[in-house]
């Protein structure tokens, strides 16, 4: 299939589920908890022994998305805290070293492939645990504290190698991947040896689309928590680029126990309709709890959207 046909299929998908999940879900203070709460690294690492999402059910997650009328699912493989939700051979800071032990990515990939859901992956370039990807200078600072990422930072050769190797793992271990979502473009694509990585990703997954945040060779513009008035003029979308609005369902990407500012189901539907009417895709986020279930507000939203889709899906697809 040529890239024009791949792009056409993506533009027909319209609606997907974004999932932010990781060690931070145990603390239930959001994906930036280690920075926002100034959590010492030594304390944060203790969550590795506490992550045991016994309620996680890959097929149940996929079914909820399908019942809501969604066509694709994109989940974090590694956020800025460096914790891998997959069995990477390049780090010990990963899910298979938690009490849960299982490779969640494999279970979700298998469920998506079996149930007809497109499988997509998010990967953060920034990594507070890898010395070549921390994004700030540690000189003269407390090594147990995480500091704000610096603009214009340059990854080291060791950091680039680590990133490339992990992307290779993700692109070669889990079957077909439809879309790869990079995050944290705080340097130029050349700083990540981006063209080499893009070329290799095209070889590993010839039919996979890649977003714009690597800084080179992207297929999909990704305006965040905003719907462009004119996508062709948005800084994250070129006039020829497909685009996708990725949005929170409340005020945080990952689970926060006291964040009850959830958008209403009507608002989610209105945003979906607006995005689609402007030619984009809509990726709405869900933040599972540390136990592996969805907040009840998200469950109700998915049910309501699914009921709306039962009558109006033709207007979306």
Protein backbone atom coordinates (compact mmCIF):
# COMPACT_ATOMS: atom_id res chain seq x y z
CA UNK A 1 0.00 0.00 0.00
CA UNK A 2 1.47 3.41 -0.95
CA UNK A 3 1.58 6.31 1.51
CA UNK A 4 -1.31 8.09 -0.19
CA UNK A 5 -3.58 5.13 0.50
CA UNK A 6 -2.28 4.86 4.07
CA UNK A 7 -3.05 8.54 4.62
CA UNK A 8 -6.53 8.11 3.17
CA UNK A 9 -7.26 5.29 5.62
CA UNK A 10 -6.03 7.36 8.57
CA UNK A 11 -8.28 10.25 7.58
CA UNK A 12 -11.21 7.83 7.55
CA UNK A 13 -10.49 6.66 11.11
CA UNK A 14 -11.62 10.02 12.61
CA UNK A 15 -11.87 9.01 16.28
CA UNK A 16 -9.41 7.33 18.64
CA UNK A 17 -8.55 6.74 22.29
CA UNK A 18 -5.37 8.16 23.84
CA UNK A 19 -4.17 6.44 27.04
CA UNK A 20 -1.64 7.90 29.48
CA UNK A 21 -0.64 5.26 32.00
CA UNK A 22 2.43 4.43 34.05
CA UNK A 23 4.07 4.56 37.50
CA UNK A 24 2.64 8.06 37.98
CA UNK A 25 -0.82 6.47 37.99
CA UNK A 26 0.04 4.83 41.33
CA UNK A 27 0.75 8.25 42.87
CA UNK A 28 -2.45 9.53 41.16
CA UNK A 29 -1.05 13.01 40.74
CA UNK A 30 -0.68 13.10 36.97
CA UNK A 31 2.06 12.26 34.48
CA UNK A 32 4.26 15.17 35.67
CA UNK A 33 4.08 14.13 39.34
CA UNK A 34 7.80 13.59 39.83
CA UNK A 35 8.47 17.16 38.66
CA UNK A 36 5.31 18.87 39.88
CA UNK A 37 5.66 17.50 43.42
CA UNK A 38 9.48 17.58 43.41
CA UNK A 39 9.52 13.86 44.20
CA UNK A 40 13.10 12.66 44.79
CA UNK A 41 14.19 9.99 42.34
CA UNK A 42 14.91 7.60 45.20
CA UNK A 43 11.30 7.91 46.40
CA UNK A 44 9.82 7.72 42.92
CA UNK A 45 11.66 4.48 42.18
CA UNK A 46 9.78 2.84 45.04
CA UNK A 47 6.64 2.92 42.89
CA UNK A 48 8.27 0.23 40.76
CA UNK A 49 7.45 -2.24 43.54
CA UNK A 50 3.92 -0.86 43.91
CA UNK A 51 2.71 -1.03 40.31
CA UNK A 52 0.38 -4.01 40.17
CA UNK A 53 -2.71 -3.20 38.04
CA UNK A 54 -4.70 -6.32 38.83
CA UNK A 55 -7.83 -4.96 37.14
CA UNK A 56 -6.15 -4.43 33.77
CA UNK A 57 -7.96 -6.27 30.98
CA UNK A 58 -6.69 -5.53 27.48
CA UNK A 59 -9.76 -6.90 25.72
CA UNK A 60 -12.10 -4.92 27.99
CA UNK A 61 -10.23 -1.71 27.15
CA UNK A 62 -10.43 -2.38 23.43
CA UNK A 63 -14.12 -3.29 23.65
CA UNK A 64 -14.93 -0.02 25.43
CA UNK A 65 -13.19 1.91 22.67
CA UNK A 66 -14.93 -0.06 19.92
CA UNK A 67 -18.33 0.35 21.58
CA UNK A 68 -17.71 4.12 21.66
CA UNK A 69 -17.23 4.07 17.89
CA UNK A 70 -13.46 4.54 18.01
CA UNK A 71 -11.19 3.15 15.31
CA UNK A 72 -7.75 3.35 16.91
CA UNK A 73 -6.01 3.25 20.28
CA UNK A 74 -2.74 5.01 21.18
CA UNK A 75 -1.06 4.25 24.50
CA UNK A 76 2.07 5.53 26.22
CA UNK A 77 5.00 3.13 25.99
CA UNK A 78 7.30 5.46 27.95
CA UNK A 79 6.52 8.92 29.31
CA UNK A 80 9.01 11.52 30.55
CA UNK A 81 9.59 9.59 33.77
CA UNK A 82 11.38 6.88 31.76
CA UNK A 83 9.24 3.97 32.99
CA UNK A 84 8.61 1.51 30.17
CA UNK A 85 5.22 -0.16 29.81
CA UNK A 86 6.92 -2.76 27.62
CA UNK A 87 9.65 -5.33 28.15
CA UNK A 88 12.64 -3.35 26.91
CA UNK A 89 16.01 -5.06 27.05
CA UNK A 90 17.77 -1.70 27.44
CA UNK A 91 16.51 -0.76 30.91
CA UNK A 92 15.46 -2.35 34.19
CA UNK A 93 12.96 0.46 34.79
CA UNK A 94 10.08 -1.41 33.16
CA UNK A 95 6.79 -3.16 33.79
CA UNK A 96 8.20 -6.68 33.77
CA UNK A 97 10.20 -5.72 36.88
CA UNK A 98 7.08 -4.74 38.79
CA UNK A 99 4.87 -7.16 40.77
CA UNK A 100 2.61 -7.23 37.68
CA UNK A 101 5.46 -8.65 35.54
CA UNK A 102 3.41 -8.94 32.33
CA UNK A 103 4.15 -7.03 29.11
CA UNK A 104 1.08 -4.82 28.76
CA UNK A 105 2.04 -3.72 25.24
CA UNK A 106 1.92 -7.27 23.96
CA UNK A 107 -1.48 -7.90 25.54
CA UNK A 108 -2.92 -4.70 24.08
CA UNK A 109 -1.35 -5.32 20.68
CA UNK A 110 -2.82 -8.83 20.57
CA UNK A 111 -6.25 -7.59 21.65
CA UNK A 112 -6.27 -4.75 19.09
CA UNK A 113 -5.18 -7.01 16.26
CA UNK A 114 -7.73 -9.70 17.15
CA UNK A 115 -10.64 -7.28 17.66
CA UNK A 116 -10.12 -4.99 14.68
CA UNK A 117 -8.77 -1.92 16.50
CA UNK A 118 -5.82 -0.03 15.01
CA UNK A 119 -2.83 -0.23 17.37
CA UNK A 120 -0.77 2.93 17.89
CA UNK A 121 2.08 3.87 20.23
CA UNK A 122 3.22 7.00 22.08
CA UNK A 123 6.89 7.40 22.97
CA UNK A 124 8.51 10.27 24.89
CA UNK A 125 11.99 11.25 23.74
CA UNK A 126 12.72 12.98 27.04
CA UNK A 127 13.79 10.57 29.79
CA UNK A 128 14.70 11.81 33.26
CA UNK A 129 16.49 8.55 34.09
CA UNK A 130 18.83 8.36 31.10
CA UNK A 131 21.81 10.74 31.46
CA UNK A 132 21.82 11.38 27.70
CA UNK A 133 18.14 12.34 27.55
CA UNK A 134 17.47 14.27 30.77
CA UNK A 135 17.14 17.60 28.95
CA UNK A 136 19.01 19.63 31.58
CA UNK A 137 22.47 20.03 33.06
CA UNK A 138 23.01 18.21 36.37
CA UNK A 139 26.17 20.17 37.18
CA UNK A 140 26.00 21.66 40.67
CA UNK A 141 22.49 20.28 41.28
CA UNK A 142 21.00 17.68 43.60
CA UNK A 143 21.19 14.37 41.66
CA UNK A 144 18.07 13.11 43.45
CA UNK A 145 15.83 15.90 42.14
CA UNK A 146 14.35 16.33 38.65
CA UNK A 147 14.69 19.83 37.18
CA UNK A 148 12.74 21.58 34.40
CA UNK A 149 13.64 20.59 30.87
CA UNK A 150 15.75 23.21 29.11
CA UNK A 151 14.87 24.57 25.68
CA UNK A 152 17.35 23.75 22.97
CA UNK A 153 18.87 20.80 24.81
CA UNK A 154 20.92 18.31 22.81
CA UNK A 155 20.78 14.57 23.50
CA UNK A 156 24.11 12.75 23.78
CA UNK A 157 25.18 9.99 21.40
CA UNK A 158 24.39 7.46 24.11
CA UNK A 159 20.92 8.97 24.55
CA UNK A 160 20.22 8.87 20.81
CA UNK A 161 21.36 5.25 20.62
CA UNK A 162 19.08 4.33 23.54
CA UNK A 163 16.09 6.05 21.93
CA UNK A 164 16.69 4.46 18.52
CA UNK A 165 17.07 0.99 20.04
CA UNK A 166 13.85 1.30 22.02
CA UNK A 167 11.92 2.53 18.98
CA UNK A 168 13.27 -0.47 17.08
CA UNK A 169 11.99 -2.77 19.83
CA UNK A 170 8.54 -1.21 19.65
CA UNK A 171 8.43 -1.39 15.86
CA UNK A 172 9.55 -5.01 15.61
CA UNK A 173 8.11 -6.87 18.64
CA UNK A 174 4.39 -6.15 18.56
CA UNK A 175 3.12 -6.87 15.06
CA UNK A 176 1.52 -4.20 12.92
CA UNK A 177 1.63 -0.65 14.28
CA UNK A 178 -0.56 1.88 12.51
CA UNK A 179 0.69 5.14 14.00
CA UNK A 180 3.67 6.27 16.09
CA UNK A 181 3.32 9.35 18.30
CA UNK A 182 6.58 10.99 19.42
CA UNK A 183 6.52 13.60 22.19
CA UNK A 184 8.70 16.43 23.55
CA UNK A 185 10.28 18.18 20.60
CA UNK A 186 12.68 20.43 22.53
CA UNK A 187 15.54 20.03 20.04
CA UNK A 188 15.77 19.79 16.27
CA UNK A 189 15.19 16.52 14.44
CA UNK A 190 18.85 16.43 13.42
CA UNK A 191 19.80 16.39 17.10
CA UNK A 192 18.04 13.03 17.42
CA UNK A 193 19.53 11.71 14.15
CA UNK A 194 15.90 11.88 13.11
CA UNK A 195 16.24 11.18 9.40
CA UNK A 196 18.06 7.90 10.11
CA UNK A 197 15.39 6.91 12.60
CA UNK A 198 12.53 7.78 10.22
CA UNK A 199 14.19 5.78 7.43
CA UNK A 200 14.54 2.74 9.70
CA UNK A 201 10.97 3.07 10.99
CA UNK A 202 9.71 3.01 7.38
CA UNK A 203 11.59 -0.26 6.91
CA UNK A 204 10.35 -1.83 10.14
CA UNK A 205 6.74 -0.70 9.64
CA UNK A 206 6.18 0.31 5.96
CA UNK A 207 2.52 1.20 6.50
CA UNK A 208 2.95 3.10 9.77
CA UNK A 209 2.27 6.84 10.03
CA UNK A 210 4.48 9.05 12.23
CA UNK A 211 3.52 12.31 13.90
CA UNK A 212 5.34 15.63 13.60
CA UNK A 213 7.09 15.87 16.97
CA UNK A 214 10.35 14.19 16.02
CA UNK A 215 11.01 17.30 13.94
CA UNK A 216 11.65 15.53 10.64
CA UNK A 217 9.64 13.51 8.15
CA UNK A 218 6.32 13.50 10.00
CA UNK A 219 2.97 12.62 8.43
CA UNK A 220 0.51 13.95 11.02
CA UNK A 221 0.25 17.37 12.69
CA UNK A 222 -0.78 17.20 16.34
CA UNK A 223 -2.37 20.33 17.83
CA UNK A 224 -2.85 19.67 21.55
CA UNK A 225 -5.96 20.55 23.55
CA UNK A 226 -7.02 22.99 20.86
CA UNK A 227 -9.07 22.79 17.70
CA UNK A 228 -7.54 25.03 15.03
CA UNK A 229 -9.76 27.66 13.46
CA UNK A 230 -7.96 26.87 10.22
CA UNK A 231 -5.77 23.76 10.38
CA UNK A 232 -3.77 24.88 7.35
CA UNK A 233 -2.56 27.90 9.34
CA UNK A 234 -1.86 26.10 12.62
CA UNK A 235 1.84 25.96 13.51
CA UNK A 236 1.60 22.21 14.07
CA UNK A 237 -0.02 21.51 10.69
CA UNK A 238 1.29 22.28 7.23
CA UNK A 239 -1.12 22.86 4.39
CA UNK A 240 -0.46 19.35 3.05
CA UNK A 241 -0.27 17.53 6.38
CA UNK A 242 -2.97 15.39 7.94
CA UNK A 243 -3.82 16.52 11.44
CA UNK A 244 -5.15 15.13 14.66
CA UNK A 245 -6.37 17.02 17.72
CA UNK A 246 -5.30 15.20 20.89
CA UNK A 247 -7.19 16.34 23.96
CA UNK A 248 -7.62 15.64 27.68
CA UNK A 249 -11.02 14.58 28.97
CA UNK A 250 -10.37 16.55 32.18
CA UNK A 251 -7.42 18.72 33.30
CA UNK A 252 -4.70 16.06 33.22
CA UNK A 253 -3.46 13.41 30.84
CA UNK A 254 -2.79 10.78 33.50
CA UNK A 255 -4.99 9.85 36.47
CA UNK A 256 -5.36 12.44 39.25
CA UNK A 257 -7.63 11.24 42.06
CA UNK A 258 -9.17 14.64 42.80
CA UNK A 259 -9.42 15.99 39.25
CA UNK A 260 -13.17 15.84 38.67
CA UNK A 261 -13.27 18.52 35.97
CA UNK A 262 -14.34 16.05 33.30
CA UNK A 263 -15.82 17.34 30.09
CA UNK A 264 -19.44 16.37 29.61
CA UNK A 265 -20.30 13.72 27.05
CA UNK A 266 -22.06 16.42 25.02
CA UNK A 267 -18.88 18.49 24.96
CA UNK A 268 -16.81 15.52 23.78
CA UNK A 269 -19.31 14.88 20.99
CA UNK A 270 -19.30 18.56 20.00
CA UNK A 271 -15.51 18.58 19.84
CA UNK A 272 -15.49 15.39 17.77
CA UNK A 273 -17.96 16.88 15.31
CA UNK A 274 -16.00 20.13 15.03
CA UNK A 275 -12.68 18.37 14.44
CA UNK A 276 -14.16 16.05 11.83
CA UNK A 277 -15.95 18.93 10.08
CA UNK A 278 -12.56 20.65 9.71
CA UNK A 279 -10.92 17.56 8.22
CA UNK A 280 -9.04 16.25 11.26
CA UNK A 281 -9.02 13.25 13.55
CA UNK A 282 -9.93 13.43 17.25
CA UNK A 283 -7.87 11.55 19.85
CA UNK A 284 -9.51 11.83 23.27
CA UNK A 285 -7.51 10.83 26.33
CA UNK A 286 -8.33 8.46 29.19
CA UNK A 287 -6.12 8.12 32.28
CA UNK A 288 -6.50 4.68 33.92
CA UNK A 289 -5.95 4.27 37.66
CA UNK A 290 -2.98 2.49 39.15
CA UNK A 291 -5.15 -0.62 39.40
CA UNK A 292 -5.83 -0.65 35.67
CA UNK A 293 -9.44 0.46 35.42
CA UNK A 294 -10.90 3.60 33.87
CA UNK A 295 -12.34 6.39 36.05
CA UNK A 296 -16.14 6.05 36.17
CA UNK A 297 -16.53 9.45 34.46
CA UNK A 298 -14.59 8.15 31.47
CA UNK A 299 -16.59 4.92 31.41
CA UNK A 300 -19.83 6.91 31.32
CA UNK A 301 -18.49 9.24 28.62
CA UNK A 302 -17.52 6.31 26.41
CA UNK A 303 -20.96 4.76 26.90
CA UNK A 304 -22.74 8.04 26.05
CA UNK A 305 -20.62 8.63 22.96
CA UNK A 306 -21.24 5.06 21.85
CA UNK A 307 -25.00 5.53 22.16
CA UNK A 308 -24.77 8.73 20.13
CA UNK A 309 -22.66 6.90 17.54
CA UNK A 310 -25.34 4.21 17.21
CA UNK A 311 -27.53 6.85 15.55
CA UNK A 312 -25.04 9.30 14.07
CA UNK A 313 -21.91 7.37 13.06
CA UNK A 314 -22.63 8.01 9.39
CA UNK A 315 -22.12 11.74 9.99
CA UNK A 316 -18.65 11.04 11.39
CA UNK A 317 -17.47 8.26 9.08
